[in-house]
N, C-alpha and C. Protein backbone atom coordinates (compact mmCIF):
# COMPACT_ATOMS: atom_id res chain seq x y z
N MET A 1 0.97 -1.14 0.14
CA MET A 1 0.04 0.11 0.33
C MET A 1 1.05 1.51 0.36
N TYR A 2 0.43 1.77 -0.76
CA TYR A 2 1.26 3.68 -0.62
C TYR A 2 0.47 4.60 -0.59
N LEU A 3 0.50 5.34 0.06
CA LEU A 3 0.05 6.74 -0.22
C LEU A 3 0.57 7.73 -1.10
N ALA A 4 -0.97 7.94 -2.36
CA ALA A 4 -0.81 8.97 -3.42
C ALA A 4 -1.65 10.08 -2.63
N TYR A 5 -1.36 11.17 -4.22
CA TYR A 5 -1.91 12.27 -4.32
C TYR A 5 -2.87 12.31 -5.88
N GLU A 6 -4.23 11.86 -5.82
CA GLU A 6 -4.63 12.38 -6.83
C GLU A 6 -4.89 13.68 -7.23
N VAL A 7 -4.30 14.40 -8.30
CA VAL A 7 -4.00 15.53 -8.85
C VAL A 7 -5.02 15.96 -9.19
N ALA A 8 -5.87 15.13 -9.88
CA ALA A 8 -7.42 15.93 -10.77
C ALA A 8 -8.56 16.81 -9.86
N LEU A 9 -8.53 16.10 -8.66
CA LEU A 9 -8.84 16.13 -7.96
C LEU A 9 -8.95 16.47 -6.96
N ASP A 10 -7.78 16.61 -6.59
CA ASP A 10 -7.38 17.29 -5.40
C ASP A 10 -7.13 16.70 -4.20
N ARG A 11 -6.56 15.18 -3.78
CA ARG A 11 -7.06 14.62 -2.69
C ARG A 11 -5.94 13.58 -2.59
N PRO A 12 -5.44 13.04 -1.05
CA PRO A 12 -4.51 11.72 -0.74
C PRO A 12 -5.97 10.77 -1.50
N VAL A 13 -4.81 9.35 -1.64
CA VAL A 13 -5.04 8.26 -2.17
C VAL A 13 -4.54 7.26 -2.15
N ALA A 14 -5.23 5.51 -1.77
CA ALA A 14 -4.18 4.24 -1.24
C ALA A 14 -4.30 4.03 -1.81
N LEU A 15 -2.95 3.44 -2.69
CA LEU A 15 -2.94 2.72 -4.46
C LEU A 15 -2.46 1.60 -3.21
N LYS A 16 -3.12 0.06 -3.89
CA LYS A 16 -2.85 -1.35 -3.57
C LYS A 16 -2.30 -1.53 -5.17
N LEU A 17 -0.23 -2.19 -4.67
CA LEU A 17 0.22 -2.38 -6.31
C LEU A 17 0.17 -4.09 -6.03
N LEU A 18 0.53 -4.28 -7.01
CA LEU A 18 0.42 -5.88 -6.99
C LEU A 18 2.16 -5.73 -7.92
N PRO A 19 3.13 -6.59 -7.07
CA PRO A 19 4.43 -6.45 -7.53
C PRO A 19 4.46 -7.13 -8.83
N PRO A 20 4.96 -6.65 -9.33
CA PRO A 20 5.68 -6.93 -11.45
C PRO A 20 5.70 -7.96 -11.13
N ALA A 21 6.35 -9.24 -10.04
CA ALA A 21 6.60 -10.68 -10.45
C ALA A 21 4.84 -11.12 -10.52
N ARG A 22 4.63 -10.36 -9.43
CA ARG A 22 3.36 -11.86 -9.32
C ARG A 22 2.14 -10.92 -10.12
N ALA A 23 2.31 -9.74 -10.68
CA ALA A 23 1.32 -8.93 -12.11
C ALA A 23 1.43 -9.96 -13.07
N ALA A 24 2.65 -10.19 -13.66
CA ALA A 24 3.73 -11.39 -14.40
C ALA A 24 2.85 -13.00 -14.85
N GLN A 25 2.16 -13.31 -13.49
CA GLN A 25 1.68 -14.59 -13.31
C GLN A 25 0.10 -13.76 -13.44
N PRO A 26 -0.66 -14.75 -14.25
CA PRO A 26 -1.77 -14.50 -14.79
C PRO A 26 -3.17 -14.77 -13.85
N GLU A 27 -2.84 -15.72 -12.89
CA GLU A 27 -3.69 -16.25 -11.57
C GLU A 27 -4.02 -15.10 -10.31
N ARG A 28 -2.91 -14.69 -10.69
CA ARG A 28 -2.70 -13.45 -9.27
C ARG A 28 -2.39 -12.18 -9.87
N ARG A 29 -2.01 -12.13 -11.47
CA ARG A 29 -2.76 -10.67 -11.55
C ARG A 29 -5.04 -11.06 -11.79
N GLU A 30 -5.32 -12.04 -12.48
CA GLU A 30 -6.85 -11.74 -12.50
C GLU A 30 -7.58 -12.43 -10.77
N ARG A 31 -6.70 -12.57 -10.08
CA ARG A 31 -7.16 -12.84 -9.13
C ARG A 31 -7.34 -10.84 -7.84
N PHE A 32 -5.89 -9.79 -8.24
CA PHE A 32 -6.01 -8.48 -7.82
C PHE A 32 -6.95 -7.33 -8.43
N LEU A 33 -7.35 -7.89 -10.37
CA LEU A 33 -7.82 -7.38 -10.50
C LEU A 33 -10.16 -7.74 -10.53
N ARG A 34 -9.75 -8.66 -9.97
CA ARG A 34 -11.22 -9.68 -9.63
C ARG A 34 -11.58 -8.65 -8.48
N GLU A 35 -10.41 -8.64 -7.08
CA GLU A 35 -10.65 -7.92 -5.52
C GLU A 35 -10.80 -6.37 -5.91
N ALA A 36 -10.56 -6.01 -6.64
CA ALA A 36 -10.81 -4.08 -7.45
C ALA A 36 -12.64 -3.75 -7.69
N ARG A 37 -12.74 -5.12 -9.02
CA ARG A 37 -14.11 -4.98 -9.28
C ARG A 37 -15.23 -5.89 -8.61
N THR A 38 -15.00 -6.39 -7.69
CA THR A 38 -16.24 -6.69 -6.06
C THR A 38 -15.86 -5.74 -5.49
N ALA A 39 -14.61 -5.13 -4.83
CA ALA A 39 -14.52 -4.15 -4.13
C ALA A 39 -15.34 -2.98 -4.46
N ALA A 40 -14.78 -2.43 -5.78
CA ALA A 40 -15.59 -1.86 -5.94
C ALA A 40 -17.34 -1.41 -6.83
N LYS A 41 -17.50 -2.89 -6.92
CA LYS A 41 -18.86 -2.63 -6.76
C LYS A 41 -20.24 -2.45 -5.38
N LEU A 42 -19.62 -2.28 -4.68
CA LEU A 42 -20.46 -1.66 -3.35
C LEU A 42 -19.57 -0.27 -2.63
N SER A 43 -21.05 0.25 -2.29
CA SER A 43 -20.61 1.79 -2.50
C SER A 43 -21.26 1.54 -0.57
N HIS A 44 -20.51 1.38 0.28
CA HIS A 44 -21.16 1.74 2.05
C HIS A 44 -20.19 2.51 2.12
N PRO A 45 -21.23 2.87 3.11
CA PRO A 45 -20.04 3.92 3.97
C PRO A 45 -18.62 3.58 5.33
N ASN A 46 -19.33 1.84 5.35
CA ASN A 46 -18.43 1.15 5.73
C ASN A 46 -17.82 0.54 5.44
N ILE A 47 -17.79 0.82 3.82
CA ILE A 47 -16.65 0.00 3.60
C ILE A 47 -15.73 0.89 2.60
N VAL A 48 -14.56 0.79 2.53
CA VAL A 48 -13.51 1.39 1.89
C VAL A 48 -13.96 1.68 0.06
N PRO A 49 -14.63 2.50 -0.57
CA PRO A 49 -14.69 2.74 -1.89
C PRO A 49 -12.71 2.61 -2.72
N ILE A 50 -13.66 2.32 -3.82
CA ILE A 50 -11.75 1.87 -4.70
C ILE A 50 -12.66 2.99 -5.97
N PHE A 51 -11.23 3.69 -6.76
CA PHE A 51 -11.62 4.50 -7.26
C PHE A 51 -11.20 3.82 -8.91
N ALA A 52 -10.03 3.65 -8.55
CA ALA A 52 -9.76 2.96 -10.11
C ALA A 52 -9.00 1.62 -10.77
N VAL A 53 -9.27 1.28 -11.08
CA VAL A 53 -7.98 0.30 -11.20
C VAL A 53 -7.39 1.04 -12.68
N ASP A 54 -5.54 0.32 -12.61
CA ASP A 54 -5.27 0.48 -13.39
C ASP A 54 -3.21 -0.24 -14.66
N GLN A 55 -2.76 0.46 -14.96
CA GLN A 55 -1.38 -0.30 -15.49
C GLN A 55 -0.50 0.39 -16.04
N VAL A 56 -0.23 0.81 -15.29
CA VAL A 56 1.53 1.56 -15.73
C VAL A 56 2.72 0.81 -16.29
N GLY A 57 2.61 1.15 -17.92
CA GLY A 57 4.36 -0.26 -17.35
C GLY A 57 4.25 -2.00 -17.39
N GLU A 58 4.80 -2.70 -15.99
CA GLU A 58 4.20 -3.74 -15.72
C GLU A 58 3.83 -3.60 -14.00
N PHE A 59 3.41 -2.24 -13.62
CA PHE A 59 2.60 -2.38 -12.20
C PHE A 59 1.07 -1.93 -12.76
N VAL A 60 0.70 -2.65 -12.21
CA VAL A 60 -1.13 -3.25 -11.73
C VAL A 60 -1.10 -2.89 -10.62
N PHE A 61 -2.44 -1.57 -10.28
CA PHE A 61 -3.36 -1.53 -9.04
C PHE A 61 -3.90 -0.71 -9.43
N PHE A 62 -4.91 -0.45 -7.64
CA PHE A 62 -5.91 -0.11 -7.89
C PHE A 62 -5.33 1.33 -6.54
N ALA A 63 -6.68 2.34 -6.72
CA ALA A 63 -6.27 3.57 -6.31
C ALA A 63 -7.57 3.01 -5.56
N MET A 64 -8.02 3.12 -3.82
CA MET A 64 -9.29 3.57 -3.14
C MET A 64 -9.10 5.07 -2.30
N ALA A 65 -10.07 5.59 -1.47
CA ALA A 65 -10.23 6.43 -0.24
C ALA A 65 -8.90 6.40 0.09
N TYR A 66 -8.03 7.66 0.85
CA TYR A 66 -7.29 7.66 2.04
C TYR A 66 -8.07 7.82 2.95
N VAL A 67 -7.76 6.95 4.12
CA VAL A 67 -8.58 6.80 5.48
C VAL A 67 -7.44 7.23 6.22
N ASP A 68 -8.15 8.08 6.87
CA ASP A 68 -6.09 8.72 7.77
C ASP A 68 -6.61 7.91 8.80
N GLY A 69 -6.55 6.94 9.63
CA GLY A 69 -6.95 6.44 10.76
C GLY A 69 -5.69 4.50 10.78
N GLU A 70 -5.97 3.98 11.68
CA GLU A 70 -5.26 2.65 11.99
C GLU A 70 -5.58 1.22 12.15
N THR A 71 -5.73 0.15 11.76
CA THR A 71 -6.53 -0.97 11.57
C THR A 71 -7.04 -1.46 12.89
N LEU A 72 -8.02 -1.74 13.54
CA LEU A 72 -8.91 -2.24 14.37
C LEU A 72 -7.86 -3.32 15.55
N GLY A 73 -7.16 -4.11 14.21
CA GLY A 73 -5.53 -4.91 14.64
C GLY A 73 -4.68 -3.86 15.39
N GLN A 74 -3.69 -3.04 14.73
CA GLN A 74 -2.74 -1.76 15.25
C GLN A 74 -3.31 -1.35 17.04
N ARG A 75 -4.16 -1.20 16.58
CA ARG A 75 -5.79 -0.42 17.80
C ARG A 75 -5.41 -1.21 18.91
N ILE A 76 -5.77 -2.63 18.85
CA ILE A 76 -5.08 -3.45 20.16
C ILE A 76 -4.09 -3.55 20.57
N ARG A 77 -3.56 -4.02 19.80
CA ARG A 77 -1.80 -3.88 19.94
C ARG A 77 -1.01 -2.79 20.54
N SER A 78 -1.60 -1.69 20.43
CA SER A 78 -1.30 -0.88 20.64
C SER A 78 -2.01 -0.67 22.47
N LEU A 79 -3.06 -0.56 22.04
CA LEU A 79 -3.63 0.67 23.55
C LEU A 79 -4.36 -0.94 24.02
N GLY A 80 -4.28 -2.08 23.71
CA GLY A 80 -5.33 -3.71 24.26
C GLY A 80 -6.73 -2.86 24.21
N PRO A 81 -7.28 -3.77 24.90
CA PRO A 81 -8.41 -4.23 24.16
C PRO A 81 -9.79 -2.85 23.92
N LEU A 82 -10.90 -2.57 23.29
CA LEU A 82 -11.64 -1.66 23.01
C LEU A 82 -12.75 -1.90 24.20
N PRO A 83 -12.72 -0.44 25.06
CA PRO A 83 -13.87 -0.29 26.04
C PRO A 83 -14.67 -0.81 25.43
N PRO A 84 -15.89 -1.40 26.23
CA PRO A 84 -17.23 -1.69 26.07
C PRO A 84 -18.11 -1.54 24.35
N GLY A 85 -17.81 0.14 25.03
CA GLY A 85 -18.35 1.26 24.19
C GLY A 85 -18.30 1.16 22.63
N GLU A 86 -16.69 1.04 22.19
CA GLU A 86 -16.76 1.29 21.17
C GLU A 86 -16.70 0.15 20.83
N ALA A 87 -16.12 -0.99 21.35
CA ALA A 87 -16.35 -2.28 20.86
C ALA A 87 -17.04 -2.31 20.00
N THR A 88 -18.90 -2.05 20.50
CA THR A 88 -20.07 -1.94 20.09
C THR A 88 -20.33 -1.34 18.84
N ARG A 89 -19.92 -0.60 19.33
CA ARG A 89 -19.75 0.30 18.48
C ARG A 89 -18.80 0.52 16.48
N VAL A 90 -17.90 -0.66 17.31
CA VAL A 90 -16.81 -1.00 15.29
C VAL A 90 -17.70 -2.46 15.13
N LEU A 91 -17.76 -2.85 16.15
CA LEU A 91 -18.65 -4.40 15.52
C LEU A 91 -20.28 -4.36 14.73
N ARG A 92 -21.28 -2.65 15.72
CA ARG A 92 -22.10 -1.96 15.46
C ARG A 92 -21.48 -1.74 13.22
N ASP A 93 -20.80 -0.96 13.05
CA ASP A 93 -20.60 -0.25 11.71
C ASP A 93 -19.81 -1.94 10.38
N VAL A 94 -18.80 -2.98 11.12
CA VAL A 94 -18.39 -4.00 10.44
C VAL A 94 -19.73 -4.63 10.27
N ALA A 95 -20.77 -4.66 10.89
CA ALA A 95 -21.42 -5.31 10.97
C ALA A 95 -22.58 -4.96 9.17
N TRP A 96 -22.59 -3.81 9.76
CA TRP A 96 -23.75 -3.07 8.37
C TRP A 96 -22.72 -3.10 7.56
N ALA A 97 -21.71 -3.34 7.25
CA ALA A 97 -21.09 -3.40 6.06
C ALA A 97 -21.31 -4.57 5.60
N VAL A 98 -20.64 -5.72 6.66
CA VAL A 98 -21.00 -7.46 5.66
C VAL A 98 -21.86 -7.23 5.26
N ASP A 99 -23.48 -6.94 6.30
CA ASP A 99 -24.52 -7.72 5.77
C ASP A 99 -25.29 -6.85 4.13
N TYR A 100 -24.48 -5.38 4.49
CA TYR A 100 -24.16 -4.19 3.08
C TYR A 100 -23.96 -5.79 1.82
N ALA A 101 -22.58 -6.09 2.00
CA ALA A 101 -21.86 -7.13 0.78
C ALA A 101 -23.04 -7.92 0.67
N HIS A 102 -22.70 -8.91 1.68
CA HIS A 102 -23.34 -10.49 1.52
C HIS A 102 -25.32 -10.08 0.81
N ALA A 103 -25.44 -8.75 0.58
CA ALA A 103 -26.97 -8.68 0.32
C ALA A 103 -26.26 -8.39 -1.64
N GLN A 104 -25.18 -8.13 -1.83
CA GLN A 104 -24.65 -7.52 -3.00
C GLN A 104 -23.76 -9.47 -3.58
N GLY A 105 -23.67 -9.73 -2.40
CA GLY A 105 -23.10 -11.39 -3.00
C GLY A 105 -22.01 -11.41 -2.51
N VAL A 106 -21.76 -10.79 -2.00
CA VAL A 106 -20.19 -11.04 -1.60
C VAL A 106 -19.91 -11.22 -0.07
N ILE A 107 -19.25 -12.10 0.19
CA ILE A 107 -18.63 -12.56 1.15
C ILE A 107 -16.77 -12.68 1.68
N HIS A 108 -16.97 -11.78 2.49
CA HIS A 108 -15.64 -11.24 2.30
C HIS A 108 -14.49 -12.23 2.96
N ARG A 109 -14.47 -13.23 3.77
CA ARG A 109 -13.75 -14.48 3.77
C ARG A 109 -12.15 -14.18 4.24
N ASP A 110 -12.23 -12.80 4.72
CA ASP A 110 -10.64 -12.57 5.29
C ASP A 110 -10.78 -11.96 6.63
N LEU A 111 -12.18 -11.57 7.22
CA LEU A 111 -12.05 -10.44 7.92
C LEU A 111 -12.28 -10.98 9.25
N LYS A 112 -10.78 -10.12 9.39
CA LYS A 112 -10.80 -9.49 10.69
C LYS A 112 -9.79 -8.22 10.69
N ALA A 113 -9.06 -8.07 12.39
CA ALA A 113 -9.01 -7.10 13.20
C ALA A 113 -8.21 -6.33 12.31
N ASP A 114 -6.99 -6.40 11.44
CA ASP A 114 -6.31 -6.25 10.51
C ASP A 114 -6.90 -5.53 8.90
N ASN A 115 -8.35 -6.27 8.73
CA ASN A 115 -8.69 -5.52 7.33
C ASN A 115 -9.85 -4.86 7.76
N ILE A 116 -9.94 -4.22 9.45
CA ILE A 116 -10.70 -2.98 9.23
C ILE A 116 -9.50 -2.21 10.12
N VAL A 117 -10.58 -1.16 9.27
CA VAL A 117 -9.53 0.47 9.87
C VAL A 117 -10.62 1.32 10.47
N LEU A 118 -9.43 1.67 11.20
CA LEU A 118 -10.31 2.75 12.84
C LEU A 118 -10.77 4.53 12.09
N GLU A 119 -11.55 5.58 11.30
CA GLU A 119 -10.44 6.44 11.26
C GLU A 119 -11.04 7.57 11.98
N HIS A 120 -9.47 7.88 12.28
CA HIS A 120 -9.65 8.97 12.96
C HIS A 120 -9.88 9.73 13.19
N GLY A 121 -10.56 10.83 14.04
CA GLY A 121 -11.55 12.21 14.25
C GLY A 121 -13.06 11.83 14.17
N SER A 122 -13.84 10.77 13.55
CA SER A 122 -14.63 9.97 13.59
C SER A 122 -14.68 8.49 14.19
N GLY A 123 -13.99 7.78 14.30
CA GLY A 123 -13.97 6.32 14.64
C GLY A 123 -14.75 5.84 14.06
N ARG A 124 -14.98 6.15 13.26
CA ARG A 124 -15.87 5.16 12.05
C ARG A 124 -15.10 3.97 11.63
N ALA A 125 -15.61 2.81 11.48
CA ALA A 125 -14.89 1.61 11.50
C ALA A 125 -14.86 1.51 9.55
N LEU A 126 -13.85 1.02 8.84
CA LEU A 126 -14.25 0.60 7.20
C LEU A 126 -13.68 -0.58 7.72
N VAL A 127 -14.31 -1.38 6.54
CA VAL A 127 -13.83 -2.82 5.95
C VAL A 127 -13.67 -2.64 4.73
N THR A 128 -11.92 -3.07 4.46
CA THR A 128 -10.57 -3.50 3.86
C THR A 128 -10.89 -4.84 3.37
N ASP A 129 -9.94 -4.87 2.16
CA ASP A 129 -9.78 -5.77 1.61
C ASP A 129 -10.45 -7.19 0.92
N PHE A 130 -10.69 -6.68 0.02
CA PHE A 130 -11.37 -7.66 -0.32
C PHE A 130 -11.20 -8.89 -1.69
N GLY A 131 -9.50 -8.78 -0.83
CA GLY A 131 -8.60 -9.77 -2.23
C GLY A 131 -9.31 -11.66 -1.62
N LEU A 132 -9.59 -11.71 -0.86
CA LEU A 132 -10.04 -12.96 -0.85
C LEU A 132 -11.81 -14.01 -0.78
N ALA A 133 -12.79 -12.16 -1.23
CA ALA A 133 -14.13 -12.16 -1.34
C ALA A 133 -14.54 -13.58 -2.41
N ASP A 134 -15.57 -14.03 -2.13
CA ASP A 134 -16.05 -15.22 -2.57
C ASP A 134 -17.29 -14.13 -3.40
N ASN A 135 -17.21 -13.71 -4.59
CA ASN A 135 -18.12 -13.11 -5.25
C ASN A 135 -19.51 -13.37 -6.12
N ARG A 136 -21.06 -13.83 -5.64
CA ARG A 136 -21.31 -15.04 -6.46
C ARG A 136 -22.08 -14.96 -7.29
N THR A 137 -21.93 -13.20 -7.64
CA THR A 137 -22.38 -12.68 -8.98
C THR A 137 -21.66 -12.58 -10.14
N GLU A 138 -20.39 -12.76 -9.57
CA GLU A 138 -18.95 -13.12 -10.81
C GLU A 138 -18.79 -14.58 -11.41
N PRO A 139 -18.48 -14.47 -12.83
CA PRO A 139 -18.37 -15.28 -12.98
C PRO A 139 -16.79 -15.82 -12.74
N GLY A 140 -16.16 -17.33 -12.22
CA GLY A 140 -14.53 -17.36 -12.92
C GLY A 140 -14.29 -17.02 -11.04
N ARG A 141 -15.21 -17.16 -10.41
CA ARG A 141 -14.82 -16.75 -9.09
C ARG A 141 -14.13 -18.33 -8.78
N THR A 142 -13.51 -17.28 -6.97
CA THR A 142 -12.38 -18.67 -6.49
C THR A 142 -13.36 -19.80 -6.15
N GLY A 143 -12.48 -21.01 -6.35
CA GLY A 143 -13.31 -22.74 -6.60
C GLY A 143 -13.95 -23.05 -4.95
N THR A 144 -14.28 -24.23 -4.75
CA THR A 144 -15.08 -23.79 -3.49
C THR A 144 -14.03 -25.08 -2.66
N ARG A 145 -12.99 -25.60 -3.25
CA ARG A 145 -12.44 -26.38 -3.01
C ARG A 145 -10.43 -25.43 -2.23
N GLN A 146 -11.01 -24.50 -2.89
CA GLN A 146 -9.54 -23.54 -2.56
C GLN A 146 -9.69 -23.33 -0.67
N VAL A 147 -8.77 -22.83 -0.20
CA VAL A 147 -7.92 -23.38 0.89
C VAL A 147 -7.99 -21.92 1.35
N LEU A 148 -8.44 -20.53 1.54
CA LEU A 148 -7.40 -19.11 1.01
C LEU A 148 -8.13 -18.76 2.49
N GLY A 149 -7.06 -17.73 2.76
CA GLY A 149 -7.64 -17.01 4.52
C GLY A 149 -6.78 -17.05 5.55
N THR A 150 -6.82 -16.45 6.24
CA THR A 150 -6.31 -16.07 7.70
C THR A 150 -6.88 -17.23 8.56
N PRO A 151 -5.82 -18.80 8.81
CA PRO A 151 -6.84 -19.63 9.86
C PRO A 151 -7.24 -19.21 11.23
N GLY A 152 -6.84 -18.56 11.75
CA GLY A 152 -7.26 -18.05 13.00
C GLY A 152 -8.68 -17.39 13.17
N TYR A 153 -9.42 -16.72 11.79
CA TYR A 153 -10.61 -16.11 11.50
C TYR A 153 -11.17 -17.06 10.81
N MET A 154 -10.89 -17.95 10.35
CA MET A 154 -11.97 -19.17 8.91
C MET A 154 -12.83 -19.58 9.78
N SER A 155 -14.41 -20.17 8.77
CA SER A 155 -14.76 -20.79 9.30
C SER A 155 -14.68 -22.17 9.18
N PRO A 156 -15.05 -23.50 10.08
CA PRO A 156 -14.62 -24.97 9.89
C PRO A 156 -15.06 -24.70 7.56
N GLU A 157 -15.70 -24.19 8.01
CA GLU A 157 -16.58 -24.86 6.64
C GLU A 157 -15.11 -24.42 5.20
N GLN A 158 -15.05 -23.17 5.72
CA GLN A 158 -13.84 -22.17 5.18
C GLN A 158 -12.43 -23.16 5.28
N ALA A 159 -11.46 -23.51 6.52
CA ALA A 159 -10.59 -24.27 6.41
C ALA A 159 -10.59 -24.96 6.08
N ARG A 160 -12.39 -26.06 5.39
CA ARG A 160 -12.72 -27.67 4.61
C ARG A 160 -12.05 -27.50 3.39
N GLY A 161 -12.38 -26.02 2.73
CA GLY A 161 -12.25 -26.27 1.59
C GLY A 161 -13.80 -25.64 0.57
N ARG A 162 -14.85 -25.69 1.70
CA ARG A 162 -16.11 -25.57 1.31
C ARG A 162 -16.96 -24.52 1.46
N PRO A 163 -18.39 -24.18 0.26
CA PRO A 163 -18.66 -23.14 0.16
C PRO A 163 -18.83 -22.49 1.38
N VAL A 164 -18.23 -21.12 1.63
CA VAL A 164 -18.95 -20.14 3.01
C VAL A 164 -20.20 -20.22 2.71
N ALA A 165 -20.59 -19.65 4.54
CA ALA A 165 -22.14 -19.00 4.16
C ALA A 165 -22.07 -17.76 4.42
N ARG A 166 -23.19 -16.70 4.62
CA ARG A 166 -22.47 -15.46 5.33
C ARG A 166 -23.07 -15.77 6.92
N ALA A 167 -23.80 -16.16 7.96
CA ALA A 167 -23.79 -16.90 9.29
C ALA A 167 -22.16 -16.54 9.42
N SER A 168 -21.33 -17.84 8.48
CA SER A 168 -19.98 -18.29 9.17
C SER A 168 -19.33 -17.59 9.38
N ALA A 169 -19.39 -16.47 8.37
CA ALA A 169 -18.20 -14.80 8.19
C ALA A 169 -18.80 -14.82 9.03
N ALA A 170 -19.66 -13.76 10.23
CA ALA A 170 -19.53 -13.60 10.70
C ALA A 170 -19.74 -13.60 12.25
N THR A 171 -20.48 -14.85 12.42
CA THR A 171 -19.39 -16.12 13.63
C THR A 171 -17.79 -16.16 13.55
N ARG A 172 -17.62 -16.30 12.76
CA ARG A 172 -16.71 -16.59 12.93
C ARG A 172 -15.09 -15.42 13.31
N PHE A 173 -15.59 -14.19 12.83
CA PHE A 173 -15.26 -13.09 13.76
C PHE A 173 -15.79 -13.30 14.56
N ARG A 174 -16.82 -12.88 15.21
CA ARG A 174 -16.76 -12.99 16.74
C ARG A 174 -16.29 -13.60 17.17
N ALA A 175 -15.90 -15.08 17.28
CA ALA A 175 -15.33 -15.88 17.67
C ALA A 175 -13.61 -15.66 17.78
N ALA A 176 -13.09 -15.61 16.67
CA ALA A 176 -11.83 -15.39 16.76
C ALA A 176 -11.91 -13.57 17.49
N LEU A 177 -12.57 -12.23 17.90
CA LEU A 177 -12.18 -11.34 18.43
C LEU A 177 -12.64 -12.33 20.30
N ARG A 178 -13.36 -13.17 20.51
CA ARG A 178 -13.19 -13.21 21.30
C ARG A 178 -11.87 -14.08 22.41
N ALA A 179 -11.17 -14.59 21.33
CA ALA A 179 -10.90 -15.68 21.45
C ALA A 179 -9.58 -14.63 21.76
N ARG A 180 -9.05 -13.61 21.92
CA ARG A 180 -7.83 -12.96 21.80
C ARG A 180 -7.85 -11.79 22.77
N GLU A 181 -9.64 -11.89 23.11
CA GLU A 181 -9.38 -10.84 24.64
C GLU A 181 -8.09 -11.58 25.64
N PRO A 182 -8.28 -10.64 26.54
CA PRO A 182 -7.51 -11.23 28.02
C PRO A 182 -8.83 -11.87 28.89
N ARG A 183 -8.17 -13.12 29.93
CA ARG A 183 -9.03 -13.45 30.50
C ARG A 183 -9.42 -12.78 31.82
């Protein structure tokens, strides 16, 4: 990820770059472009918007909104668990984003604290990184026997390479967060 400046619209943007060696691999390039297409179809206040996808020479990248903040994972690692009221608000924001994505046929499949950005100032939580998402409306989606994701956050069916359901993604995310709370 890189911070860049979009001159035409006078705003900062975040660039997600696929390194040239990976861009040369057709399956990795297609997965990267699928991530951009999938996320770009989602328009919700709690999902980081995608503005454009492009290629310059051997560099393939997409531009998305720059969110001045930190990931939920960074926040927890630096300050410890969120206070109950803040945790409730973050989970509400994430639930709204995930519910919206599910209604659009998109299951994130890698929902974890490091894929949730907390915006400074407003405290709004935004979901990002749809690289492993299952877009049920797009042909050529990730096969059901592939096991992709972060093991500690996978639902049992995802870990077995089976199709994931709406409920399994949210349930596993809540369980993973509870498991990381100090006892």
